[in-house]
Amino acid sequence: MARNRQTLDRIHRVRTIQLNLSRADEAQARDRAASEAALSARITALAEAIAPTRTAAAGFSLTAAAHYRDRLHQSASAAQTRLEAADHRATVAGEATRAARRDQSAVEKLLARVEADDVLKEVRALEAAPAFRKNRHDPC
């Protein structure tokens, strides 16, 4: 049973490392998604700031504003696509973390079962052992 215990301990260490790595990947994916969301919000705010207004401006400035507004809308759509991809990667990383946690929990349950079996064997060995009673005193 000791060999089984050593194997399970090794598997538990590997699963713990995998869990920690998947948690780190998930945190990185969440940070990336938050960064993309902030960038998308900034681009949207810039596009709204350049919205056309009634002014007595020259025609070339209206053309330039329209060009920049168009470019900002293209950037906003690209940022939205990147945001969706980052959210998808964060979701996938979360699922990987949950799977790694399930794997680690399964190994922990196996370790607990092995430990309980070892304790039960020790108890049975004590029960099966002959009862020694040493007379500590001479007859009085």
N, C-alpha and C. Protein backbone atom coordinates (compact mmCIF):
# COMPACT_ATOMS: atom_id res chain seq x y z
N MET A 1 0.82 -1.19 0.00
CA MET A 1 0.00 0.00 0.00
C MET A 1 0.87 1.26 0.00
N ALA A 2 2.11 1.14 0.50
CA ALA A 2 3.00 2.30 0.55
C ALA A 2 3.34 2.77 -0.87
N ARG A 3 3.53 1.81 -1.76
CA ARG A 3 3.84 2.18 -3.14
C ARG A 3 2.66 2.92 -3.77
N ASN A 4 1.46 2.45 -3.50
CA ASN A 4 0.26 3.12 -3.99
C ASN A 4 0.18 4.53 -3.41
N ARG A 5 0.52 4.68 -2.16
CA ARG A 5 0.51 5.99 -1.50
C ARG A 5 1.52 6.93 -2.15
N GLN A 6 2.71 6.41 -2.45
CA GLN A 6 3.73 7.23 -3.10
C GLN A 6 3.28 7.67 -4.49
N THR A 7 2.67 6.76 -5.20
CA THR A 7 2.17 7.09 -6.54
C THR A 7 1.09 8.16 -6.45
N LEU A 8 0.18 8.00 -5.51
CA LEU A 8 -0.88 8.98 -5.35
C LEU A 8 -0.32 10.33 -4.90
N ASP A 9 0.69 10.33 -4.06
CA ASP A 9 1.32 11.59 -3.65
C ASP A 9 1.95 12.30 -4.85
N ARG A 10 2.61 11.52 -5.70
CA ARG A 10 3.22 12.10 -6.90
C ARG A 10 2.15 12.66 -7.83
N ILE A 11 1.09 11.90 -8.03
CA ILE A 11 -0.01 12.37 -8.88
C ILE A 11 -0.63 13.62 -8.29
N HIS A 12 -0.77 13.67 -6.98
CA HIS A 12 -1.36 14.84 -6.31
C HIS A 12 -0.48 16.08 -6.54
N ARG A 13 0.84 15.92 -6.45
CA ARG A 13 1.74 17.04 -6.70
C ARG A 13 1.60 17.55 -8.13
N VAL A 14 1.52 16.62 -9.07
CA VAL A 14 1.37 17.01 -10.48
C VAL A 14 0.03 17.72 -10.70
N ARG A 15 -1.03 17.19 -10.12
CA ARG A 15 -2.35 17.81 -10.28
C ARG A 15 -2.39 19.19 -9.63
N THR A 16 -1.69 19.36 -8.52
CA THR A 16 -1.64 20.66 -7.86
C THR A 16 -0.91 21.67 -8.75
N ILE A 17 0.17 21.24 -9.36
CA ILE A 17 0.90 22.12 -10.28
C ILE A 17 0.02 22.48 -11.47
N GLN A 18 -0.68 21.50 -12.02
CA GLN A 18 -1.57 21.77 -13.14
C GLN A 18 -2.68 22.74 -12.75
N LEU A 19 -3.21 22.58 -11.54
CA LEU A 19 -4.25 23.49 -11.07
C LEU A 19 -3.72 24.91 -10.94
N ASN A 20 -2.52 25.05 -10.37
CA ASN A 20 -1.94 26.38 -10.22
C ASN A 20 -1.66 27.03 -11.57
N LEU A 21 -1.18 26.24 -12.53
CA LEU A 21 -0.94 26.78 -13.86
C LEU A 21 -2.24 27.19 -14.55
N SER A 22 -3.27 26.38 -14.40
CA SER A 22 -4.54 26.74 -15.05
C SER A 22 -5.16 27.95 -14.38
N ARG A 23 -4.98 28.10 -13.05
CA ARG A 23 -5.46 29.31 -12.38
C ARG A 23 -4.72 30.54 -12.89
N ALA A 24 -3.42 30.41 -13.10
CA ALA A 24 -2.64 31.53 -13.64
C ALA A 24 -3.09 31.87 -15.05
N ASP A 25 -3.33 30.85 -15.87
CA ASP A 25 -3.83 31.10 -17.23
C ASP A 25 -5.18 31.79 -17.20
N GLU A 26 -6.04 31.36 -16.28
CA GLU A 26 -7.36 31.97 -16.18
C GLU A 26 -7.24 33.43 -15.76
N ALA A 27 -6.39 33.72 -14.79
CA ALA A 27 -6.21 35.10 -14.35
C ALA A 27 -5.67 35.97 -15.48
N GLN A 28 -4.73 35.42 -16.24
CA GLN A 28 -4.18 36.16 -17.37
C GLN A 28 -5.24 36.40 -18.44
N ALA A 29 -6.08 35.42 -18.70
CA ALA A 29 -7.15 35.57 -19.69
C ALA A 29 -8.17 36.60 -19.22
N ARG A 30 -8.49 36.59 -17.93
CA ARG A 30 -9.43 37.58 -17.39
C ARG A 30 -8.84 38.99 -17.49
N ASP A 31 -7.55 39.13 -17.20
CA ASP A 31 -6.90 40.43 -17.32
C ASP A 31 -6.92 40.92 -18.77
N ARG A 32 -6.65 40.00 -19.69
CA ARG A 32 -6.65 40.36 -21.10
C ARG A 32 -8.06 40.80 -21.54
N ALA A 33 -9.08 40.10 -21.06
CA ALA A 33 -10.46 40.46 -21.40
C ALA A 33 -10.81 41.83 -20.83
N ALA A 34 -10.37 42.10 -19.60
CA ALA A 34 -10.64 43.42 -19.00
C ALA A 34 -9.91 44.52 -19.78
N SER A 35 -8.69 44.24 -20.21
CA SER A 35 -7.94 45.22 -20.99
C SER A 35 -8.62 45.50 -22.32
N GLU A 36 -9.09 44.46 -22.97
CA GLU A 36 -9.80 44.64 -24.25
C GLU A 36 -11.11 45.42 -24.04
N ALA A 37 -11.79 45.16 -22.94
CA ALA A 37 -13.03 45.89 -22.65
C ALA A 37 -12.74 47.37 -22.43
N ALA A 38 -11.66 47.67 -21.72
CA ALA A 38 -11.30 49.07 -21.49
C ALA A 38 -10.92 49.76 -22.79
N LEU A 39 -10.18 49.06 -23.66
CA LEU A 39 -9.80 49.63 -24.95
C LEU A 39 -11.04 49.87 -25.81
N SER A 40 -11.96 48.93 -25.80
CA SER A 40 -13.19 49.10 -26.58
C SER A 40 -13.99 50.29 -26.08
N ALA A 41 -14.04 50.45 -24.76
CA ALA A 41 -14.76 51.60 -24.19
C ALA A 41 -14.10 52.92 -24.58
N ARG A 42 -12.78 52.95 -24.58
CA ARG A 42 -12.06 54.17 -24.97
C ARG A 42 -12.31 54.51 -26.44
N ILE A 43 -12.29 53.51 -27.30
CA ILE A 43 -12.52 53.75 -28.72
C ILE A 43 -13.94 54.24 -28.95
N THR A 44 -14.90 53.66 -28.24
CA THR A 44 -16.29 54.09 -28.36
C THR A 44 -16.44 55.54 -27.91
N ALA A 45 -15.78 55.88 -26.82
CA ALA A 45 -15.85 57.26 -26.33
C ALA A 45 -15.24 58.23 -27.34
N LEU A 46 -14.14 57.85 -27.96
CA LEU A 46 -13.52 58.71 -28.97
C LEU A 46 -14.43 58.86 -30.19
N ALA A 47 -15.09 57.78 -30.60
CA ALA A 47 -15.99 57.85 -31.75
C ALA A 47 -17.18 58.76 -31.45
N GLU A 48 -17.66 58.71 -30.22
CA GLU A 48 -18.77 59.60 -29.85
C GLU A 48 -18.31 61.04 -29.75
N ALA A 49 -17.08 61.27 -29.36
CA ALA A 49 -16.57 62.63 -29.24
C ALA A 49 -16.39 63.28 -30.61
N ILE A 50 -16.22 62.50 -31.64
CA ILE A 50 -16.01 63.05 -32.97
C ILE A 50 -17.30 63.09 -33.77
N ALA A 51 -18.41 62.82 -33.11
CA ALA A 51 -19.71 62.83 -33.80
C ALA A 51 -19.94 64.19 -34.46
N PRO A 52 -20.64 64.19 -35.60
CA PRO A 52 -20.85 65.46 -36.31
C PRO A 52 -21.76 66.40 -35.52
N THR A 53 -21.39 67.67 -35.54
CA THR A 53 -22.18 68.71 -34.87
C THR A 53 -22.38 69.85 -35.86
N ARG A 54 -23.32 70.71 -35.55
CA ARG A 54 -23.56 71.87 -36.42
C ARG A 54 -22.53 72.95 -36.10
N THR A 55 -21.65 73.16 -37.03
CA THR A 55 -20.66 74.22 -36.88
C THR A 55 -20.44 74.85 -38.24
N ALA A 56 -19.88 76.01 -38.18
CA ALA A 56 -19.53 76.69 -39.43
C ALA A 56 -18.07 76.37 -39.74
N ALA A 57 -17.81 75.11 -40.01
CA ALA A 57 -16.43 74.68 -40.28
C ALA A 57 -16.25 74.53 -41.78
N ALA A 58 -15.02 74.52 -42.14
CA ALA A 58 -14.69 74.36 -43.55
C ALA A 58 -14.98 72.92 -43.98
N GLY A 59 -15.16 72.74 -45.25
CA GLY A 59 -15.50 71.42 -45.79
C GLY A 59 -14.42 70.39 -45.56
N PHE A 60 -13.16 70.80 -45.65
CA PHE A 60 -12.09 69.82 -45.48
C PHE A 60 -12.04 69.30 -44.05
N SER A 61 -12.42 70.14 -43.06
CA SER A 61 -12.41 69.64 -41.69
C SER A 61 -13.54 68.64 -41.47
N LEU A 62 -14.67 68.84 -42.15
CA LEU A 62 -15.76 67.87 -42.05
C LEU A 62 -15.35 66.54 -42.69
N THR A 63 -14.63 66.65 -43.78
CA THR A 63 -14.15 65.44 -44.46
C THR A 63 -13.15 64.70 -43.56
N ALA A 64 -12.26 65.44 -42.93
CA ALA A 64 -11.28 64.82 -42.04
C ALA A 64 -11.98 64.18 -40.84
N ALA A 65 -12.97 64.87 -40.28
CA ALA A 65 -13.71 64.31 -39.14
C ALA A 65 -14.44 63.04 -39.56
N ALA A 66 -15.03 63.05 -40.76
CA ALA A 66 -15.72 61.85 -41.25
C ALA A 66 -14.73 60.70 -41.44
N HIS A 67 -13.56 61.03 -41.95
CA HIS A 67 -12.55 59.99 -42.14
C HIS A 67 -12.13 59.39 -40.79
N TYR A 68 -11.85 60.25 -39.81
CA TYR A 68 -11.45 59.74 -38.49
C TYR A 68 -12.58 58.99 -37.81
N ARG A 69 -13.79 59.46 -37.99
CA ARG A 69 -14.94 58.77 -37.41
C ARG A 69 -15.08 57.38 -38.02
N ASP A 70 -14.88 57.29 -39.33
CA ASP A 70 -14.94 55.99 -40.00
C ASP A 70 -13.84 55.07 -39.48
N ARG A 71 -12.65 55.60 -39.34
CA ARG A 71 -11.54 54.79 -38.82
C ARG A 71 -11.82 54.34 -37.38
N LEU A 72 -12.40 55.21 -36.57
CA LEU A 72 -12.72 54.85 -35.19
C LEU A 72 -13.79 53.76 -35.15
N HIS A 73 -14.76 53.82 -36.04
CA HIS A 73 -15.78 52.78 -36.09
C HIS A 73 -15.18 51.44 -36.53
N GLN A 74 -14.23 51.47 -37.46
CA GLN A 74 -13.54 50.25 -37.84
C GLN A 74 -12.74 49.69 -36.66
N SER A 75 -12.08 50.59 -35.94
CA SER A 75 -11.32 50.17 -34.76
C SER A 75 -12.24 49.62 -33.69
N ALA A 76 -13.41 50.22 -33.54
CA ALA A 76 -14.37 49.76 -32.54
C ALA A 76 -14.87 48.36 -32.88
N SER A 77 -15.13 48.11 -34.17
CA SER A 77 -15.59 46.77 -34.53
C SER A 77 -14.48 45.74 -34.34
N ALA A 78 -13.24 46.13 -34.65
CA ALA A 78 -12.11 45.22 -34.43
C ALA A 78 -11.91 44.97 -32.93
N ALA A 79 -12.07 46.02 -32.13
CA ALA A 79 -11.94 45.86 -30.68
C ALA A 79 -13.04 44.98 -30.13
N GLN A 80 -14.23 45.09 -30.68
CA GLN A 80 -15.34 44.23 -30.25
C GLN A 80 -15.04 42.77 -30.57
N THR A 81 -14.47 42.52 -31.73
CA THR A 81 -14.10 41.16 -32.10
C THR A 81 -13.03 40.61 -31.16
N ARG A 82 -12.02 41.45 -30.85
CA ARG A 82 -10.96 41.03 -29.92
C ARG A 82 -11.54 40.79 -28.52
N LEU A 83 -12.50 41.61 -28.12
CA LEU A 83 -13.13 41.46 -26.82
C LEU A 83 -13.89 40.13 -26.73
N GLU A 84 -14.62 39.80 -27.79
CA GLU A 84 -15.35 38.52 -27.81
C GLU A 84 -14.38 37.35 -27.76
N ALA A 85 -13.27 37.45 -28.49
CA ALA A 85 -12.27 36.38 -28.47
C ALA A 85 -11.64 36.26 -27.08
N ALA A 86 -11.35 37.38 -26.45
CA ALA A 86 -10.76 37.36 -25.10
C ALA A 86 -11.74 36.78 -24.09
N ASP A 87 -13.01 37.13 -24.22
CA ASP A 87 -14.02 36.55 -23.32
C ASP A 87 -14.13 35.04 -23.52
N HIS A 88 -14.04 34.61 -24.77
CA HIS A 88 -14.10 33.16 -25.05
C HIS A 88 -12.89 32.46 -24.43
N ARG A 89 -11.69 33.05 -24.60
CA ARG A 89 -10.50 32.44 -24.00
C ARG A 89 -10.61 32.41 -22.48
N ALA A 90 -11.19 33.44 -21.88
CA ALA A 90 -11.36 33.46 -20.43
C ALA A 90 -12.34 32.37 -19.98
N THR A 91 -13.39 32.16 -20.75
CA THR A 91 -14.35 31.11 -20.44
C THR A 91 -13.69 29.73 -20.53
N VAL A 92 -12.92 29.52 -21.59
CA VAL A 92 -12.22 28.25 -21.77
C VAL A 92 -11.22 28.02 -20.64
N ALA A 93 -10.51 29.08 -20.25
CA ALA A 93 -9.54 28.96 -19.15
C ALA A 93 -10.25 28.64 -17.84
N GLY A 94 -11.43 29.23 -17.63
CA GLY A 94 -12.21 28.92 -16.43
C GLY A 94 -12.64 27.47 -16.39
N GLU A 95 -13.05 26.96 -17.54
CA GLU A 95 -13.44 25.54 -17.61
C GLU A 95 -12.23 24.64 -17.36
N ALA A 96 -11.07 25.02 -17.87
CA ALA A 96 -9.85 24.23 -17.63
C ALA A 96 -9.49 24.24 -16.15
N THR A 97 -9.68 25.37 -15.50
CA THR A 97 -9.40 25.45 -14.06
C THR A 97 -10.35 24.55 -13.28
N ARG A 98 -11.62 24.57 -13.64
CA ARG A 98 -12.58 23.71 -12.94
C ARG A 98 -12.25 22.24 -13.17
N ALA A 99 -11.83 21.88 -14.37
CA ALA A 99 -11.46 20.49 -14.65
C ALA A 99 -10.22 20.09 -13.85
N ALA A 100 -9.25 20.99 -13.76
CA ALA A 100 -8.04 20.69 -12.98
C ALA A 100 -8.39 20.55 -11.50
N ARG A 101 -9.31 21.36 -11.02
CA ARG A 101 -9.73 21.26 -9.61
C ARG A 101 -10.45 19.93 -9.36
N ARG A 102 -11.28 19.50 -10.31
CA ARG A 102 -11.95 18.21 -10.18
C ARG A 102 -10.93 17.07 -10.13
N ASP A 103 -9.92 17.15 -11.00
CA ASP A 103 -8.89 16.12 -11.01
C ASP A 103 -8.14 16.08 -9.68
N GLN A 104 -7.79 17.25 -9.17
CA GLN A 104 -7.07 17.30 -7.90
C GLN A 104 -7.95 16.78 -6.76
N SER A 105 -9.22 17.13 -6.77
CA SER A 105 -10.14 16.65 -5.73
C SER A 105 -10.27 15.13 -5.77
N ALA A 106 -10.30 14.57 -6.97
CA ALA A 106 -10.40 13.12 -7.09
C ALA A 106 -9.18 12.44 -6.49
N VAL A 107 -8.00 12.99 -6.74
CA VAL A 107 -6.79 12.41 -6.18
C VAL A 107 -6.79 12.57 -4.66
N GLU A 108 -7.26 13.72 -4.17
CA GLU A 108 -7.33 13.93 -2.72
C GLU A 108 -8.28 12.91 -2.07
N LYS A 109 -9.38 12.60 -2.74
CA LYS A 109 -10.31 11.60 -2.21
C LYS A 109 -9.66 10.21 -2.19
N LEU A 110 -8.91 9.90 -3.24
CA LEU A 110 -8.20 8.62 -3.26
C LEU A 110 -7.16 8.55 -2.13
N LEU A 111 -6.46 9.65 -1.90
CA LEU A 111 -5.50 9.69 -0.81
C LEU A 111 -6.18 9.51 0.54
N ALA A 112 -7.33 10.14 0.71
CA ALA A 112 -8.06 9.99 1.97
C ALA A 112 -8.53 8.56 2.15
N ARG A 113 -8.95 7.91 1.07
CA ARG A 113 -9.39 6.52 1.14
C ARG A 113 -8.23 5.60 1.52
N VAL A 114 -7.05 5.85 0.92
CA VAL A 114 -5.87 5.04 1.25
C VAL A 114 -5.50 5.24 2.71
N GLU A 115 -5.56 6.46 3.18
CA GLU A 115 -5.24 6.74 4.59
C GLU A 115 -6.24 6.05 5.52
N ALA A 116 -7.51 6.10 5.18
CA ALA A 116 -8.52 5.43 6.00
C ALA A 116 -8.30 3.92 6.00
N ASP A 117 -7.93 3.36 4.85
CA ASP A 117 -7.64 1.92 4.79
C ASP A 117 -6.44 1.57 5.66
N ASP A 118 -5.41 2.42 5.64
CA ASP A 118 -4.23 2.18 6.48
C ASP A 118 -4.59 2.21 7.96
N VAL A 119 -5.39 3.17 8.36
CA VAL A 119 -5.81 3.27 9.75
C VAL A 119 -6.65 2.05 10.14
N LEU A 120 -7.53 1.64 9.26
CA LEU A 120 -8.37 0.47 9.53
C LEU A 120 -7.52 -0.80 9.67
N LYS A 121 -6.49 -0.93 8.84
CA LYS A 121 -5.59 -2.09 8.96
C LYS A 121 -4.86 -2.07 10.30
N GLU A 122 -4.43 -0.90 10.72
CA GLU A 122 -3.74 -0.80 12.01
C GLU A 122 -4.67 -1.16 13.16
N VAL A 123 -5.91 -0.70 13.09
CA VAL A 123 -6.89 -1.02 14.13
C VAL A 123 -7.15 -2.52 14.16
N ARG A 124 -7.31 -3.12 13.00
CA ARG A 124 -7.54 -4.58 12.95
C ARG A 124 -6.32 -5.36 13.46
N ALA A 125 -5.14 -4.85 13.16
CA ALA A 125 -3.93 -5.51 13.66
C ALA A 125 -3.86 -5.43 15.18
N LEU A 126 -4.27 -4.30 15.74
CA LEU A 126 -4.29 -4.17 17.20
C LEU A 126 -5.34 -5.08 17.82
N GLU A 127 -6.48 -5.21 17.15
CA GLU A 127 -7.53 -6.08 17.67
C GLU A 127 -7.12 -7.54 17.61
N ALA A 128 -6.38 -7.91 16.59
CA ALA A 128 -5.97 -9.31 16.42
C ALA A 128 -4.75 -9.66 17.28
N ALA A 129 -4.06 -8.67 17.77
CA ALA A 129 -2.86 -8.92 18.58
C ALA A 129 -3.28 -9.56 19.91
N PRO A 130 -2.45 -10.48 20.41
CA PRO A 130 -2.78 -11.10 21.70
C PRO A 130 -2.72 -10.07 22.82
N ALA A 131 -3.56 -10.27 23.79
CA ALA A 131 -3.62 -9.32 24.90
C ALA A 131 -2.55 -9.69 25.91
N PHE A 132 -1.59 -8.85 26.08
CA PHE A 132 -0.54 -9.05 27.07
C PHE A 132 -0.91 -8.24 28.31
N ARG A 133 -0.95 -8.92 29.41
CA ARG A 133 -1.15 -8.18 30.66
C ARG A 133 0.02 -8.48 31.54
N LYS A 134 0.77 -7.52 31.76
CA LYS A 134 1.92 -7.69 32.61
C LYS A 134 1.49 -7.38 34.02
N ASN A 135 1.81 -8.26 34.91
CA ASN A 135 1.49 -8.00 36.31
C ASN A 135 2.56 -7.06 36.84
N ARG A 136 2.14 -5.89 37.16
CA ARG A 136 3.11 -4.88 37.56
C ARG A 136 3.50 -5.01 39.02
N HIS A 137 2.70 -5.71 39.79
CA HIS A 137 3.00 -5.82 41.22
C HIS A 137 3.10 -7.28 41.65
N ASP A 138 3.93 -7.51 42.57
CA ASP A 138 3.97 -8.85 43.19
C ASP A 138 2.72 -9.00 44.02
N PRO A 139 2.35 -10.23 44.24
CA PRO A 139 1.16 -10.39 45.09
C PRO A 139 1.41 -9.77 46.45
N CYS A 140 0.48 -9.03 46.84
CA CYS A 140 0.62 -8.33 48.10
C CYS A 140 0.34 -9.21 49.28
